[in-house]
Each structure stands twice: as structure tokens, then as C-alpha cells.
Amino acid sequence: HDELAKHYLARLLESRGEAKTGYELFQSLQVDVMFLPTTTPSGSSPLGLLAPMCTTTTLLEVFWNQPHRQDLRECLFKLLWVQKQLYKTARREKKRLREESLPKLWLLTTSASQALLSGFHAKTKPASWGQGIYFLGDSLKTALVAINQLPVTPETAVCRDQLSPSYGQWGTGNDSF
């Protein structure tokens, strides 16, 4: 299921930019999906919740079971490593790297316990993102999507139906609510 999720996310995002599955950071360390946008989103999108998640360079990590704390720390390491490489490139090219241009990390998981969320001080932003989406500190540029907690809406259909084995059928486009 993990490979299917990676390829499905990449296929969904192709219309907006370059999506690389198994993006190798360095030998034996890969990001599930590294998305580099090439178009500016306009209007509503069939990507639903994925559209606002992927407005800038984005690292997507998919978990079929609740991740362990170490899994999340490894994902944070990947994000920080990518950001460090961008800073090194900017310094070498004598350019300034703006904070808002740094990549974001989205952790897509079928579930997340309260202990896991509180261990990372993950908080919701209900006014802008809604139920089931938790953000780590702003400077970490990281959010966790607990798919089992997402509301049943058209905007969450892609995540609920296609990225979780407990909903719908893989890759069928089953968007029933």
C-alpha cells in the first residue's frame, strides 16, 4: 500500500508541478514524495485538501499505521536536511533564502494518538484547517494529517478515500460520502 500511496500522490500532483517519488536525499535516505510546484493554483481543485498543502515545495510522508516518535523524528531530519541544502545553495550563489520559501513537511497517517500529538506539541488550527490536521511549531514547517479524524467532506475525499486503506478502494476514485 505504501508504494501505491506514493505513486498516487505523485500522479495527483503532476498537473501542478514536479512530483518525485522515492526522492533520494543521500544514499539510503529518501522522502516518500517531494513536490516542486510549477504552476500557481487557481480556483477549486480536484486535489481537495492536497491543494492547499502543496502550494510550495513540499515533502509528503505516508504512514499506513500510526508512526512511532522515532519515525516522526526521522521525517523532521529529512526536512531539516533539505532546508540545509537549500541554505548552502543560496549561500554559494550569494542569494538570500526567504523563510516562506522553505519546504514544508506533511505527515499523512491513518491515525495519531493523543500521546503522539502531545509529545510533539501538535495543535490544530481549526479556523483555517479543521479537524484531523495538527501543526508542530511554526518554525518546524510540519503538519500531521490524521486521516481517521478528517471530517467527511468533498475536500477530504482524496485523503480519506485514496490514502487510507480503511476507506474506499485504492485508486478507484471512489469519492462517496
Protein backbone atom coordinates (compact mmCIF):
# COMPACT_ATOMS: atom_id res chain seq x y z
CA HIS A 1 0.00 0.00 0.00
CA ASP A 2 2.87 2.40 0.73
CA GLU A 3 4.14 2.35 -2.88
CA LEU A 4 0.62 2.85 -4.20
CA ALA A 5 0.13 5.89 -1.97
CA LYS A 6 3.40 7.45 -3.13
CA HIS A 7 2.58 6.95 -6.81
CA TYR A 8 -1.00 8.10 -6.34
CA LEU A 9 0.13 11.34 -4.64
CA ALA A 10 2.69 11.97 -7.37
CA ARG A 11 0.12 11.37 -10.10
CA LEU A 12 -2.38 13.72 -8.45
CA LEU A 13 0.20 16.50 -8.14
CA GLU A 14 1.64 16.22 -11.67
CA SER A 15 -0.71 18.87 -13.07
CA ARG A 16 0.71 21.47 -10.69
CA GLY A 17 4.40 20.69 -10.71
CA GLU A 18 7.06 18.06 -10.47
CA ALA A 19 6.42 15.25 -8.01
CA LYS A 20 9.24 12.81 -7.40
CA THR A 21 8.62 9.54 -5.59
CA GLY A 22 11.42 7.99 -3.60
CA TYR A 23 13.34 11.28 -3.77
CA GLU A 24 16.83 10.39 -2.58
CA LEU A 25 18.28 12.92 -0.15
CA PHE A 26 21.53 10.99 0.08
CA GLN A 27 22.40 7.34 -0.07
CA SER A 28 19.71 5.27 1.71
CA LEU A 29 17.60 8.27 2.82
CA GLN A 30 14.54 9.03 0.74
CA VAL A 31 11.41 11.16 1.01
CA ASP A 32 8.17 9.39 0.03
CA VAL A 33 7.14 12.26 -2.27
CA MET A 34 8.98 15.52 -2.93
CA PHE A 35 6.68 18.02 -4.68
CA LEU A 36 8.04 21.07 -6.51
CA PRO A 37 5.21 23.27 -7.83
CA THR A 38 5.49 24.75 -11.31
CA THR A 39 2.03 26.29 -11.59
CA THR A 40 0.05 28.65 -9.40
CA PRO A 41 -3.20 27.10 -8.17
CA SER A 42 -6.41 28.83 -9.18
CA GLY A 43 -9.98 28.17 -8.10
CA SER A 44 -11.23 24.87 -6.78
CA SER A 45 -9.18 21.76 -7.27
CA PRO A 46 -9.89 18.04 -7.58
CA LEU A 47 -6.97 17.61 -5.18
CA GLY A 48 -9.16 18.79 -2.31
CA LEU A 49 -7.11 19.07 0.88
CA LEU A 50 -3.89 18.29 -1.02
CA ALA A 51 -4.12 21.56 -2.98
CA PRO A 52 -3.54 23.94 -0.04
CA MET A 53 -0.97 21.52 1.39
CA CYS A 54 1.13 21.72 -1.77
CA THR A 55 1.34 25.42 -2.61
CA THR A 56 5.13 25.46 -2.07
CA THR A 57 7.87 22.83 -2.16
CA THR A 58 6.51 20.01 -0.03
CA LEU A 59 7.75 16.75 1.43
CA LEU A 60 4.99 14.17 1.87
CA GLU A 61 5.47 11.12 4.08
CA VAL A 62 2.77 8.41 4.20
CA PHE A 63 2.20 6.04 7.13
CA TRP A 64 -0.22 3.10 6.98
CA ASN A 65 -0.08 2.67 10.72
CA GLN A 66 0.35 5.23 13.41
CA PRO A 67 4.00 6.27 13.26
CA HIS A 68 6.30 5.96 16.24
CA ARG A 69 8.00 9.03 17.68
CA GLN A 70 11.26 7.99 16.01
CA ASP A 71 9.51 7.83 12.61
CA LEU A 72 8.45 11.45 13.02
CA ARG A 73 11.92 12.49 14.15
CA GLU A 74 13.38 10.86 11.03
CA CYS A 75 10.92 12.78 8.86
CA LEU A 76 11.86 16.02 10.61
CA PHE A 77 15.52 15.19 9.94
CA LYS A 78 14.73 14.80 6.23
CA LEU A 79 13.00 18.19 6.17
CA LEU A 80 15.84 19.90 8.00
CA TRP A 81 18.38 18.26 5.71
CA VAL A 82 16.55 19.54 2.60
CA GLN A 83 16.34 23.03 4.12
CA LYS A 84 20.06 22.95 4.95
CA GLN A 85 20.88 22.06 1.34
CA LEU A 86 18.80 25.00 0.14
CA TYR A 87 20.66 27.35 2.50
CA LYS A 88 24.01 26.02 1.28
CA THR A 89 22.99 26.56 -2.35
CA ALA A 90 21.72 30.07 -1.63
CA ARG A 91 24.95 30.96 0.18
CA ARG A 92 27.07 29.58 -2.65
CA GLU A 93 25.03 31.57 -5.19
CA LYS A 94 25.10 34.65 -2.94
CA LYS A 95 21.32 34.71 -2.72
CA ARG A 96 19.05 35.21 0.24
CA LEU A 97 16.66 32.39 1.12
CA ARG A 98 13.32 33.64 2.41
CA GLU A 99 11.67 31.77 5.29
CA GLU A 100 8.37 31.41 3.41
CA SER A 101 10.15 29.67 0.52
CA LEU A 102 11.43 26.83 2.70
CA PRO A 103 9.83 23.41 2.10
CA LYS A 104 7.07 22.10 4.32
CA LEU A 105 6.60 18.57 5.63
CA TRP A 106 3.20 16.87 5.66
CA LEU A 107 2.86 13.57 7.51
CA LEU A 108 -0.15 11.63 6.23
CA THR A 109 -1.08 8.90 8.69
CA THR A 110 -4.13 6.72 9.16
CA SER A 111 -4.26 7.67 12.85
CA ALA A 112 -2.45 9.61 15.56
CA SER A 113 -2.86 9.06 19.28
CA GLN A 114 -3.16 11.90 21.74
CA ALA A 115 0.15 10.80 23.27
CA LEU A 116 1.91 11.10 19.90
CA LEU A 117 0.37 14.51 19.19
CA SER A 118 1.11 15.93 22.64
CA GLY A 119 4.67 14.56 22.51
CA PHE A 120 5.33 16.84 19.54
CA HIS A 121 3.13 19.69 20.84
CA ALA A 122 0.98 19.26 17.74
CA LYS A 123 -2.00 21.63 17.74
CA THR A 124 -4.98 22.12 15.48
CA LYS A 125 -5.72 25.35 13.64
CA PRO A 126 -9.48 24.89 13.43
CA ALA A 127 -10.20 28.28 11.89
CA SER A 128 -8.07 27.58 8.85
CA TRP A 129 -7.56 23.82 8.56
CA GLY A 130 -10.18 21.96 10.55
CA GLN A 131 -10.37 18.65 12.36
CA GLY A 132 -7.70 15.98 11.98
CA ILE A 133 -4.87 18.32 10.94
CA TYR A 134 -2.20 19.07 13.54
CA PHE A 135 0.69 21.53 13.29
CA LEU A 136 4.01 21.41 15.05
CA GLY A 137 5.64 24.74 15.95
CA ASP A 138 5.55 27.26 13.08
CA SER A 139 9.32 27.24 12.66
CA LEU A 140 9.29 23.46 12.08
CA LYS A 141 7.04 23.86 9.00
CA THR A 142 5.47 20.48 9.72
CA ALA A 143 1.91 19.20 9.95
CA LEU A 144 0.37 15.81 10.61
CA VAL A 145 -2.89 14.68 8.99
CA ALA A 146 -4.73 12.02 11.00
CA ILE A 147 -6.86 10.63 8.20
CA ASN A 148 -9.27 8.82 10.54
CA GLN A 149 -10.10 12.18 12.17
CA LEU A 150 -10.83 14.11 8.97
CA PRO A 151 -14.42 15.25 8.51
CA VAL A 152 -16.39 13.61 5.72
CA THR A 153 -16.39 16.43 3.15
CA PRO A 154 -15.56 16.72 -0.56
CA GLU A 155 -12.30 18.49 0.38
CA THR A 156 -11.05 15.49 2.38
CA ALA A 157 -12.22 12.80 -0.05
CA VAL A 158 -8.81 12.30 -1.71
CA CYS A 159 -7.12 11.72 1.64
CA ARG A 160 -9.89 9.60 3.10
CA ASP A 161 -10.69 7.51 0.04
CA GLN A 162 -7.31 7.15 -1.62
CA LEU A 163 -4.67 7.45 1.09
CA SER A 164 -6.19 5.27 3.78
CA PRO A 165 -6.70 1.51 3.47
CA SER A 166 -9.68 1.76 5.82
CA TYR A 167 -11.65 3.91 3.37
CA GLY A 168 -12.78 3.19 -0.18
CA GLN A 169 -10.80 1.20 -2.72
CA TRP A 170 -7.27 2.14 -3.74
CA GLY A 171 -7.12 4.23 -6.88
CA THR A 172 -10.79 3.80 -7.80
CA GLY A 173 -11.66 7.46 -7.41
CA ASN A 174 -14.43 6.44 -5.03
CA ASP A 175 -15.45 9.82 -3.66
CA SER A 176 -18.66 8.76 -1.95
CA PHE A 177 -19.54 10.47 1.28
